[in-house]
């Protein structure tokens, strides 16, 4: 049974939540970029403009996670991901805004540990951190849980990264984002053929839930930034259904309802591909919008590839959800400059 946009917003009010994001984020058309590609109309949902410490999708997530933490009287977050994590940067900023301590366990896998990009912002926000060699995934999760227990033994009231509690609450925020986007599309009288997003977790799961709950027929294409050591379709389906329970929605998804593609990951998580770097440059030079090399650049590379392959007509529309990540650009300075220089577009000394 489908529900209305207003029902999703009303049901979300039952969950603990704080205000962090500047909402609604803009929905912009990219006419010069679309003309360059000779394909459909292209719109971009600017979740890089959520407003907290350079913005991004995790600001929406953290409205519900900080709400849950404060509801439990927590005084500290113990979190973790890659050393250039957008998640950790926005979590550190969220904690700073509400006066909670933040300790991060950061994986240096595929990155150096210079205080640059997102890590610099973590530092400025007052987060403490340990940098480790464990890869992002179950091994890093175990270290985060171990560190959280150490702080609890010291008497701290810790809210820590844990997939079972965190993922569904974060996904609820993107069910709301889908409702927000649907309202914007309705106002513009646009029925897109497809929506693209870079996600392998809560963001994509929440969008899938919102699409199903509202009965929308567009394709939702999750472009993976990495492969998890489990079945990603089943995982996103589980997260979406747990979010549906939180939001008191009767909608339930099957794994077959989740569209994912790992074709654009390249050599690995956080390793930019030539196609990703091209996408960053094309969008910057035709629309003045910055993508990032880890997430949004790879998803845009997928959209560009699909347009060039003729998957869309000029009469159709597509929407790209920009999940942020701007600070990571600075950590990839050398690769970006080398790419531009190789094309003869700048002179380096």
Protein backbone atom coordinates (compact mmCIF):
# COMPACT_ATOMS: atom_id res chain seq x y z
CA UNK A 1 0.00 0.00 0.00
CA UNK A 2 1.41 3.36 -1.01
CA UNK A 3 1.36 6.39 1.26
CA UNK A 4 1.50 10.13 0.76
CA UNK A 5 4.52 12.39 1.06
CA UNK A 6 2.90 14.01 4.10
CA UNK A 7 2.50 10.62 5.81
CA UNK A 8 6.23 9.95 5.60
CA UNK A 9 7.04 13.36 7.08
CA UNK A 10 4.43 12.95 9.82
CA UNK A 11 5.62 9.47 10.82
CA UNK A 12 9.22 10.65 11.03
CA UNK A 13 8.25 13.11 13.77
CA UNK A 14 7.82 10.14 16.14
CA UNK A 15 11.57 9.46 16.11
CA UNK A 16 14.16 11.34 18.20
CA UNK A 17 15.79 13.90 15.94
CA UNK A 18 17.90 17.05 16.06
CA UNK A 19 18.21 19.82 13.49
CA UNK A 20 21.49 19.85 11.59
CA UNK A 21 20.71 20.18 7.87
CA UNK A 22 19.60 23.08 5.72
CA UNK A 23 16.49 21.53 4.15
CA UNK A 24 15.16 21.14 1.56
CA UNK A 25 18.34 20.94 -0.46
CA UNK A 26 18.14 22.44 -3.96
CA UNK A 27 17.17 20.50 -7.08
CA UNK A 28 19.03 22.07 -10.00
CA UNK A 29 19.04 21.38 -13.71
CA UNK A 30 22.40 20.92 -15.46
CA UNK A 31 21.71 22.19 -19.00
CA UNK A 32 25.31 22.69 -20.18
CA UNK A 33 26.37 19.29 -18.91
CA UNK A 34 23.35 17.64 -20.54
CA UNK A 35 24.07 19.39 -23.84
CA UNK A 36 27.67 18.19 -23.71
CA UNK A 37 26.53 14.57 -23.35
CA UNK A 38 23.67 14.86 -25.86
CA UNK A 39 21.32 12.85 -23.69
CA UNK A 40 18.40 13.40 -21.33
CA UNK A 41 17.69 16.40 -19.12
CA UNK A 42 19.87 16.07 -16.03
CA UNK A 43 18.91 17.32 -12.57
CA UNK A 44 21.07 17.23 -9.47
CA UNK A 45 19.80 16.98 -5.91
CA UNK A 46 22.31 19.07 -3.97
CA UNK A 47 22.82 17.11 -0.77
CA UNK A 48 26.33 18.52 -0.80
CA UNK A 49 24.51 21.65 0.41
CA UNK A 50 23.12 20.26 3.67
CA UNK A 51 25.21 22.89 5.42
CA UNK A 52 27.17 21.15 8.17
CA UNK A 53 30.98 21.24 7.78
CA UNK A 54 30.91 21.17 3.95
CA UNK A 55 27.63 19.21 3.91
CA UNK A 56 26.83 15.79 2.52
CA UNK A 57 24.44 12.90 3.00
CA UNK A 58 25.64 12.04 6.51
CA UNK A 59 24.21 15.32 7.83
CA UNK A 60 20.74 13.90 7.21
CA UNK A 61 21.80 10.63 8.85
CA UNK A 62 23.13 12.43 11.90
CA UNK A 63 19.89 14.25 12.58
CA UNK A 64 18.48 10.88 13.65
CA UNK A 65 21.67 9.42 15.12
CA UNK A 66 22.36 12.46 17.33
CA UNK A 67 18.69 12.45 18.26
CA UNK A 68 18.95 8.81 19.27
CA UNK A 69 22.19 9.41 21.18
CA UNK A 70 20.81 12.36 23.13
CA UNK A 71 17.63 10.40 23.83
CA UNK A 72 19.89 7.81 25.50
CA UNK A 73 21.74 10.53 27.44
CA UNK A 74 25.01 9.76 25.66
CA UNK A 75 27.97 12.07 26.19
CA UNK A 76 30.35 10.67 23.58
CA UNK A 77 30.48 9.17 20.08
CA UNK A 78 32.97 6.47 19.12
CA UNK A 79 32.89 6.22 15.37
CA UNK A 80 35.05 5.14 12.48
CA UNK A 81 35.62 4.65 8.76
CA UNK A 82 38.34 5.59 6.28
CA UNK A 83 40.83 8.32 7.11
CA UNK A 84 39.13 10.53 4.49
CA UNK A 85 35.64 9.64 5.68
CA UNK A 86 32.82 12.08 4.96
CA UNK A 87 30.83 10.21 7.60
CA UNK A 88 33.40 10.86 10.34
CA UNK A 89 33.83 14.50 9.32
CA UNK A 90 30.11 15.20 9.62
CA UNK A 91 29.81 13.13 12.79
CA UNK A 92 32.64 15.13 14.39
CA UNK A 93 30.88 18.35 13.39
CA UNK A 94 27.54 17.10 14.74
CA UNK A 95 29.14 16.23 18.07
CA UNK A 96 30.80 19.64 18.24
CA UNK A 97 27.46 21.34 17.65
CA UNK A 98 25.80 19.44 20.52
CA UNK A 99 28.73 19.34 22.92
CA UNK A 100 29.53 15.62 22.75
CA UNK A 101 33.06 14.25 22.62
CA UNK A 102 33.97 12.34 19.47
CA UNK A 103 36.66 9.69 19.10
CA UNK A 104 37.36 8.22 15.67
CA UNK A 105 39.01 4.97 14.58
CA UNK A 106 40.23 5.69 11.05
CA UNK A 107 41.53 3.25 8.47
CA UNK A 108 44.50 4.44 6.42
CA UNK A 109 43.77 1.80 3.76
CA UNK A 110 44.17 3.40 0.29
CA UNK A 111 45.09 6.76 1.85
CA UNK A 112 48.01 8.41 3.52
CA UNK A 113 47.44 9.82 6.98
CA UNK A 114 48.40 13.43 6.36
CA UNK A 115 46.12 15.87 8.15
CA UNK A 116 44.40 17.00 4.97
CA UNK A 117 40.90 17.00 3.51
CA UNK A 118 38.30 15.40 5.76
CA UNK A 119 40.91 14.49 8.38
CA UNK A 120 41.85 18.16 8.72
CA UNK A 121 38.18 18.99 9.39
CA UNK A 122 38.00 16.21 12.02
CA UNK A 123 41.02 17.79 13.68
CA UNK A 124 39.53 21.29 13.59
CA UNK A 125 36.25 20.02 15.06
CA UNK A 126 38.09 18.71 18.11
CA UNK A 127 37.70 15.00 17.44
CA UNK A 128 40.37 12.66 18.78
CA UNK A 129 41.39 9.80 16.58
CA UNK A 130 43.47 6.66 16.16
CA UNK A 131 44.67 5.74 12.68
CA UNK A 132 44.87 2.00 12.02
CA UNK A 133 45.65 -0.38 9.16
CA UNK A 134 42.44 -2.43 9.43
CA UNK A 135 40.32 -2.16 6.26
CA UNK A 136 36.87 -0.59 6.34
CA UNK A 137 34.36 -3.33 7.14
CA UNK A 138 34.06 -6.01 9.84
CA UNK A 139 37.70 -5.74 10.97
CA UNK A 140 37.44 -1.98 11.56
CA UNK A 141 33.99 -2.41 13.14
CA UNK A 142 35.53 -4.75 15.71
CA UNK A 143 38.16 -2.16 16.64
CA UNK A 144 35.49 0.53 17.02
CA UNK A 145 33.45 -1.74 19.32
CA UNK A 146 36.56 -2.55 21.36
CA UNK A 147 37.42 1.13 21.78
CA UNK A 148 33.85 1.98 22.73
CA UNK A 149 33.98 -0.61 25.52
CA UNK A 150 37.20 0.92 26.86
CA UNK A 151 35.50 4.31 27.17
CA UNK A 152 32.43 2.72 28.80
CA UNK A 153 34.72 1.10 31.35
CA UNK A 154 35.89 4.63 32.21
CA UNK A 155 32.30 5.66 32.89
CA UNK A 156 31.54 7.34 29.59
CA UNK A 157 28.04 7.07 28.10
CA UNK A 158 29.09 6.03 24.63
CA UNK A 159 27.04 6.01 21.45
CA UNK A 160 29.05 3.90 19.03
CA UNK A 161 29.00 2.75 15.46
CA UNK A 162 26.92 -0.40 15.21
CA UNK A 163 25.19 -1.52 12.05
CA UNK A 164 22.12 -3.00 13.74
CA UNK A 165 21.05 0.26 15.38
CA UNK A 166 22.63 2.92 13.20
CA UNK A 167 21.84 1.78 9.67
CA UNK A 168 18.04 1.80 9.93
CA UNK A 169 17.92 5.24 11.57
CA UNK A 170 20.22 6.67 8.95
CA UNK A 171 18.06 5.08 6.23
CA UNK A 172 14.96 6.74 7.67
CA UNK A 173 16.56 10.10 6.87
CA UNK A 174 16.84 9.16 3.20
CA UNK A 175 13.29 7.93 3.04
CA UNK A 176 12.48 11.53 3.98
CA UNK A 177 14.92 12.79 1.36
CA UNK A 178 13.09 10.79 -1.29
CA UNK A 179 9.81 12.31 -0.14
CA UNK A 180 11.41 15.76 -0.30
CA UNK A 181 12.72 15.06 -3.80
CA UNK A 182 9.35 13.68 -4.92
CA UNK A 183 7.68 16.91 -3.82
CA UNK A 184 10.21 18.96 -5.81
CA UNK A 185 9.75 16.79 -8.89
CA UNK A 186 5.98 17.09 -8.64
CA UNK A 187 6.21 20.87 -8.45
CA UNK A 188 8.35 20.90 -11.60
CA UNK A 189 6.09 18.29 -13.26
CA UNK A 190 9.07 16.02 -13.92
CA UNK A 191 8.82 12.24 -13.97
CA UNK A 192 12.42 11.01 -14.23
CA UNK A 193 13.38 7.81 -15.91
CA UNK A 194 16.07 7.09 -13.32
CA UNK A 195 17.74 8.38 -10.17
CA UNK A 196 21.45 7.79 -9.58
CA UNK A 197 23.20 7.76 -6.22
CA UNK A 198 26.49 6.42 -4.88
CA UNK A 199 25.58 4.16 -1.97
CA UNK A 200 26.21 0.74 -0.51
CA UNK A 201 24.21 1.27 2.66
CA UNK A 202 21.70 3.47 4.45
CA UNK A 203 21.37 6.23 1.85
CA UNK A 204 20.43 3.84 -0.93
CA UNK A 205 18.24 1.74 1.37
CA UNK A 206 16.28 4.78 2.53
CA UNK A 207 15.79 6.01 -1.02
CA UNK A 208 14.54 2.56 -2.06
CA UNK A 209 12.08 2.55 0.82
CA UNK A 210 10.80 6.02 -0.06
CA UNK A 211 10.39 5.09 -3.73
CA UNK A 212 8.40 1.97 -2.85
CA UNK A 213 6.30 3.64 -0.14
CA UNK A 214 5.29 6.46 -2.50
CA UNK A 215 4.70 4.09 -5.42
CA UNK A 216 7.11 5.91 -7.74
CA UNK A 217 8.08 4.11 -10.95
CA UNK A 218 11.48 5.58 -11.78
CA UNK A 219 14.55 3.35 -11.61
CA UNK A 220 16.77 3.86 -8.57
CA UNK A 221 20.35 2.96 -9.45
CA UNK A 222 22.77 2.50 -6.55
CA UNK A 223 26.34 2.79 -7.79
CA UNK A 224 28.56 1.03 -5.27
CA UNK A 225 31.75 2.73 -4.01
CA UNK A 226 33.04 -0.59 -2.63
CA UNK A 227 32.10 -4.23 -2.20
CA UNK A 228 31.13 -5.44 1.27
CA UNK A 229 31.88 -9.03 2.33
CA UNK A 230 28.17 -9.88 2.25
CA UNK A 231 25.26 -9.78 -0.18
CA UNK A 232 24.70 -6.06 -0.75
CA UNK A 233 21.20 -6.37 -2.18
CA UNK A 234 20.01 -8.40 0.79
CA UNK A 235 21.71 -5.99 3.19
CA UNK A 236 20.12 -2.88 1.67
CA UNK A 237 16.76 -4.65 1.65
CA UNK A 238 17.11 -5.51 5.35
CA UNK A 239 18.07 -1.93 6.23
CA UNK A 240 15.13 -0.54 4.23
CA UNK A 241 12.65 -2.85 5.96
CA UNK A 242 14.01 -2.00 9.42
CA UNK A 243 13.65 1.70 8.54
CA UNK A 244 10.07 1.01 7.46
CA UNK A 245 9.37 -0.40 10.93
CA UNK A 246 10.86 2.70 12.58
CA UNK A 247 8.72 4.94 10.37
CA UNK A 248 5.64 2.74 10.92
CA UNK A 249 5.23 2.12 7.21
CA UNK A 250 3.69 -1.12 5.97
CA UNK A 251 5.95 -1.12 2.88
CA UNK A 252 8.32 -4.07 2.64
CA UNK A 253 10.97 -4.69 -0.01
CA UNK A 254 12.54 -7.82 -1.47
CA UNK A 255 16.21 -8.01 -2.37
CA UNK A 256 15.17 -8.04 -6.04
CA UNK A 257 13.79 -4.51 -5.56
CA UNK A 258 17.32 -3.18 -4.97
CA UNK A 259 19.27 -2.15 -8.09
CA UNK A 260 23.03 -2.06 -7.49
CA UNK A 261 26.06 -1.88 -9.74
CA UNK A 262 29.67 -2.53 -8.80
CA UNK A 263 30.90 -1.86 -12.33
CA UNK A 264 32.41 1.53 -11.48
CA UNK A 265 34.35 0.75 -8.29
CA UNK A 266 37.60 0.29 -10.20
CA UNK A 267 40.70 -1.00 -8.35
CA UNK A 268 39.14 -0.48 -4.93
CA UNK A 269 37.46 1.75 -2.39
CA UNK A 270 38.88 5.24 -2.39
CA UNK A 271 40.94 4.62 -5.54
CA UNK A 272 39.75 7.00 -8.28
CA UNK A 273 39.30 5.66 -11.79
CA UNK A 274 40.06 7.65 -14.97
CA UNK A 275 36.32 7.77 -15.65
CA UNK A 276 35.68 9.16 -12.15
CA UNK A 277 38.32 11.85 -12.64
CA UNK A 278 36.84 12.76 -16.03
CA UNK A 279 33.38 13.08 -14.45
CA UNK A 280 34.72 15.42 -11.76
CA UNK A 281 36.33 17.65 -14.35
CA UNK A 282 33.36 17.72 -16.74
CA UNK A 283 30.85 18.68 -14.05
CA UNK A 284 33.20 21.29 -12.58
CA UNK A 285 33.93 22.92 -15.93
CA UNK A 286 30.39 22.88 -17.27
CA UNK A 287 28.32 23.52 -14.12
CA UNK A 288 30.70 24.81 -11.43
CA UNK A 289 29.81 21.91 -9.12
CA UNK A 290 32.44 19.83 -7.34
CA UNK A 291 32.11 16.06 -7.06
CA UNK A 292 34.44 13.87 -5.00
CA UNK A 293 36.82 11.06 -6.06
CA UNK A 294 35.47 8.39 -3.70
CA UNK A 295 31.68 8.49 -4.10
CA UNK A 296 29.89 11.02 -6.29
CA UNK A 297 32.58 11.03 -8.98
CA UNK A 298 32.17 7.29 -9.51
CA UNK A 299 28.37 7.51 -9.59
CA UNK A 300 28.56 10.33 -12.14
CA UNK A 301 30.97 8.23 -14.20
CA UNK A 302 28.24 5.59 -14.32
CA UNK A 303 25.61 8.10 -15.43
CA UNK A 304 27.92 9.46 -18.14
CA UNK A 305 28.66 5.95 -19.37
CA UNK A 306 24.96 5.06 -19.50
CA UNK A 307 24.10 8.22 -21.41
CA UNK A 308 26.90 7.66 -23.91
CA UNK A 309 25.67 4.08 -24.35
CA UNK A 310 22.26 5.40 -25.40
CA UNK A 311 20.25 4.21 -22.38
CA UNK A 312 18.22 7.46 -22.33
CA UNK A 313 16.51 9.60 -24.94
CA UNK A 314 16.63 13.38 -25.15
CA UNK A 315 12.97 13.49 -24.06
CA UNK A 316 13.68 11.74 -20.76
CA UNK A 317 15.03 13.11 -17.47
CA UNK A 318 17.40 11.71 -14.87
CA UNK A 319 18.25 12.87 -11.35
CA UNK A 320 21.68 12.59 -9.75
CA UNK A 321 21.82 12.76 -5.94
CA UNK A 322 25.03 14.51 -4.91
CA UNK A 323 26.05 13.02 -1.55
CA UNK A 324 28.86 15.50 -0.88
CA UNK A 325 32.50 14.76 -0.13
CA UNK A 326 34.10 18.03 -1.26
CA UNK A 327 36.98 18.05 1.32
CA UNK A 328 38.29 14.75 -0.06
CA UNK A 329 39.27 16.56 -3.27
CA UNK A 330 42.20 18.14 -1.46
CA UNK A 331 43.55 14.76 -0.39
CA UNK A 332 43.64 13.76 -4.08
CA UNK A 333 45.42 16.90 -5.23
CA UNK A 334 48.26 15.13 -7.03
CA UNK A 335 46.01 12.80 -9.03
CA UNK A 336 43.71 15.65 -10.05
CA UNK A 337 46.55 17.94 -11.13
CA UNK A 338 48.25 15.12 -13.03
CA UNK A 339 45.01 14.34 -14.89
CA UNK A 340 44.45 17.94 -15.93
CA UNK A 341 48.10 18.44 -16.84
CA UNK A 342 48.08 15.27 -18.94
CA UNK A 343 45.36 16.82 -21.06
CA UNK A 344 47.44 19.92 -21.58
CA UNK A 345 44.95 22.11 -19.75
CA UNK A 346 47.33 23.54 -17.14
CA UNK A 347 51.03 24.19 -16.93
CA UNK A 348 52.79 22.69 -13.91
CA UNK A 349 56.31 23.44 -12.71
